[in-house]
Amino acid sequence: MVAWRESYLDLILIPLGLLLPALYHAWLWRAVRRRPLSTAFGVYSAARRLWAAGMMRDNDDKKGVLVVQSLRNILERSFTLNFIGNRLFYAGVPLLLWIFGPVLAFLSAVVMIPILYNLDMVNVAADRGTKEHSSGCVNGKANGNGCMQV
């Protein structure tokens, strides 16, 4: 019988610590595609679209529209860089803690998932004081096929 070694923990816990956040991000990608207004990324994207449409409607001057579009593009890049930068930071924490052993690396990866979930998901219904699950509709009620305006 082969004796249990410390390196076996590395072989088990480190791949699991990498797999769990990867599965979470695959689930998040699916959530953004299926119900974008239930995620922070989707809400920010919708708000940018509404803001740009409102500014273009209010501004008839073509130069003003160009300035607004340039500003919007800068804001989109900064939001995307912030989003990606935070992900890289959170991914670096388990790798840094791997210095102290695979158990800390695995535990930090497990603790990272609820933290990222709280940063990524938006519960619109909780803001209205109800305990229902969010429909993902902003300024509307959910029907069977999506959102309808109120």
Protein backbone atom coordinates (compact mmCIF):
# COMPACT_ATOMS: atom_id res chain seq x y z
CA MET A 1 0.00 0.00 0.00
CA VAL A 2 1.28 3.44 -0.92
CA ALA A 3 1.74 5.86 1.95
CA TRP A 4 -0.19 9.12 1.96
CA ARG A 5 2.04 12.08 1.11
CA GLU A 6 1.67 15.82 1.52
CA SER A 7 1.97 16.24 -2.24
CA TYR A 8 -1.31 14.36 -2.69
CA LEU A 9 -3.11 17.33 -1.15
CA ASP A 10 -1.58 19.50 -3.85
CA LEU A 11 -2.78 17.09 -6.52
CA ILE A 12 -6.35 17.12 -5.18
CA LEU A 13 -7.01 20.54 -3.67
CA ILE A 14 -5.25 22.84 -6.15
CA PRO A 15 -7.12 21.56 -9.24
CA LEU A 16 -10.38 21.73 -7.24
CA GLY A 17 -9.47 25.26 -6.17
CA LEU A 18 -9.03 26.21 -9.82
CA LEU A 19 -12.09 24.31 -11.01
CA LEU A 20 -14.61 25.87 -8.61
CA PRO A 21 -14.04 29.50 -9.70
CA ALA A 22 -13.98 28.38 -13.34
CA LEU A 23 -17.37 26.72 -12.86
CA TYR A 24 -18.67 29.85 -11.13
CA HIS A 25 -17.56 32.05 -14.03
CA ALA A 26 -19.17 29.67 -16.53
CA TRP A 27 -22.39 29.93 -14.53
CA LEU A 28 -22.03 33.74 -14.40
CA TRP A 29 -21.55 33.90 -18.16
CA ARG A 30 -24.74 31.86 -18.57
CA ALA A 31 -26.59 34.16 -16.14
CA VAL A 32 -25.47 37.25 -18.05
CA ARG A 33 -26.73 35.70 -21.29
CA ARG A 34 -30.05 34.41 -19.94
CA ARG A 35 -31.02 37.16 -17.48
CA PRO A 36 -28.72 40.14 -17.96
CA LEU A 37 -30.61 42.49 -15.65
CA SER A 38 -30.06 40.18 -12.70
CA THR A 39 -26.29 40.73 -12.89
CA ALA A 40 -24.30 43.87 -12.17
CA PHE A 41 -22.57 43.63 -15.53
CA GLY A 42 -25.93 43.55 -17.35
CA VAL A 43 -27.41 46.41 -15.32
CA TYR A 44 -24.39 48.63 -15.98
CA SER A 45 -24.56 47.78 -19.67
CA ALA A 46 -28.28 48.60 -19.86
CA ALA A 47 -27.75 51.85 -17.94
CA ARG A 48 -25.00 52.90 -20.36
CA ARG A 49 -27.27 52.18 -23.33
CA LEU A 50 -30.15 54.18 -21.82
CA TRP A 51 -27.86 57.04 -20.89
CA ALA A 52 -26.34 57.23 -24.36
CA ALA A 53 -29.78 57.08 -26.01
CA GLY A 54 -31.04 59.87 -23.77
CA MET A 55 -28.03 62.06 -24.47
CA MET A 56 -28.32 61.52 -28.20
CA ARG A 57 -32.03 62.34 -28.10
CA ASP A 58 -31.45 65.55 -26.13
CA ASN A 59 -28.43 66.68 -28.16
CA ASP A 60 -29.08 67.59 -31.78
CA ASP A 61 -25.58 68.91 -32.33
CA LYS A 62 -23.40 66.27 -33.99
CA LYS A 63 -20.31 67.44 -32.14
CA GLY A 64 -22.07 66.99 -28.82
CA VAL A 65 -23.04 63.46 -29.78
CA LEU A 66 -19.46 62.69 -30.72
CA VAL A 67 -18.28 63.92 -27.32
CA VAL A 68 -20.91 61.82 -25.55
CA GLN A 69 -20.00 58.73 -27.52
CA SER A 70 -16.31 59.25 -26.80
CA LEU A 71 -17.04 59.67 -23.10
CA ARG A 72 -19.22 56.56 -23.14
CA ASN A 73 -16.47 54.54 -24.81
CA ILE A 74 -13.96 55.65 -22.18
CA LEU A 75 -16.38 54.69 -19.40
CA GLU A 76 -17.01 51.27 -20.99
CA ARG A 77 -13.26 50.53 -21.18
CA SER A 78 -12.78 51.66 -17.56
CA PHE A 79 -15.65 49.47 -16.33
CA THR A 80 -14.33 46.48 -18.27
CA LEU A 81 -10.80 47.01 -16.98
CA ASN A 82 -12.11 47.32 -13.42
CA PHE A 83 -14.16 44.13 -13.83
CA ILE A 84 -11.23 42.16 -15.26
CA GLY A 85 -8.74 43.66 -12.79
CA ASN A 86 -10.84 42.60 -9.80
CA ARG A 87 -11.10 39.08 -11.22
CA LEU A 88 -7.33 38.86 -11.62
CA PHE A 89 -6.82 40.10 -8.06
CA TYR A 90 -9.26 37.56 -6.64
CA ALA A 91 -7.63 34.81 -8.72
CA GLY A 92 -4.21 35.81 -7.39
CA VAL A 93 -5.19 35.41 -3.73
CA PRO A 94 -5.41 31.57 -3.80
CA LEU A 95 -2.18 31.42 -5.78
CA LEU A 96 -0.47 33.61 -3.19
CA LEU A 97 -1.81 31.50 -0.33
CA TRP A 98 -0.56 28.35 -2.07
CA ILE A 99 2.83 29.32 -0.62
CA PHE A 100 1.46 28.34 2.80
CA GLY A 101 -0.05 25.09 1.60
CA PRO A 102 -2.84 23.70 -0.56
CA VAL A 103 -5.48 23.83 2.18
CA LEU A 104 -5.34 27.63 2.45
CA ALA A 105 -5.37 27.95 -1.33
CA PHE A 106 -8.46 25.75 -1.60
CA LEU A 107 -10.26 27.48 1.28
CA SER A 108 -9.61 30.92 -0.19
CA ALA A 109 -10.98 29.77 -3.55
CA VAL A 110 -14.11 28.46 -1.82
CA VAL A 111 -14.55 31.69 0.18
CA MET A 112 -14.01 33.75 -2.98
CA ILE A 113 -17.13 32.36 -4.69
CA PRO A 114 -19.75 33.87 -2.30
CA ILE A 115 -17.84 37.16 -2.34
CA LEU A 116 -17.91 37.27 -6.13
CA TYR A 117 -21.57 36.25 -6.14
CA ASN A 118 -22.45 39.21 -3.90
CA LEU A 119 -20.50 41.53 -6.19
CA ASP A 120 -21.98 40.12 -9.41
CA MET A 121 -25.67 39.56 -8.71
CA VAL A 122 -28.33 42.25 -8.36
CA ASN A 123 -31.58 41.50 -6.58
CA VAL A 124 -34.09 44.06 -7.84
CA ALA A 125 -36.93 42.63 -5.74
CA ALA A 126 -34.98 43.14 -2.51
CA ASP A 127 -34.77 46.85 -3.29
CA ARG A 128 -38.57 47.01 -3.45
CA GLY A 129 -38.96 45.44 -0.03
CA THR A 130 -40.30 42.08 -1.23
CA LYS A 131 -38.79 38.69 -0.60
CA GLU A 132 -39.48 37.35 -4.09
CA HIS A 133 -36.75 36.31 -6.46
CA SER A 134 -35.82 39.06 -8.89
CA SER A 135 -37.40 38.89 -12.32
CA GLY A 136 -34.55 40.82 -13.85
CA CYS A 137 -36.98 43.44 -15.19
CA VAL A 138 -36.31 47.11 -14.60
CA ASN A 139 -39.37 49.37 -14.56
CA GLY A 140 -41.56 46.49 -15.58
CA LYS A 141 -43.37 43.39 -14.47
CA ALA A 142 -42.34 39.94 -15.53
CA ASN A 143 -44.73 38.01 -17.69
CA GLY A 144 -44.14 34.49 -18.97
CA ASN A 145 -42.09 35.64 -21.95
CA GLY A 146 -40.00 38.45 -20.50
CA CYS A 147 -40.63 41.99 -19.31
CA MET A 148 -43.57 44.23 -20.03
CA GLN A 149 -43.67 47.91 -19.26
CA VAL A 150 -45.78 49.22 -16.39
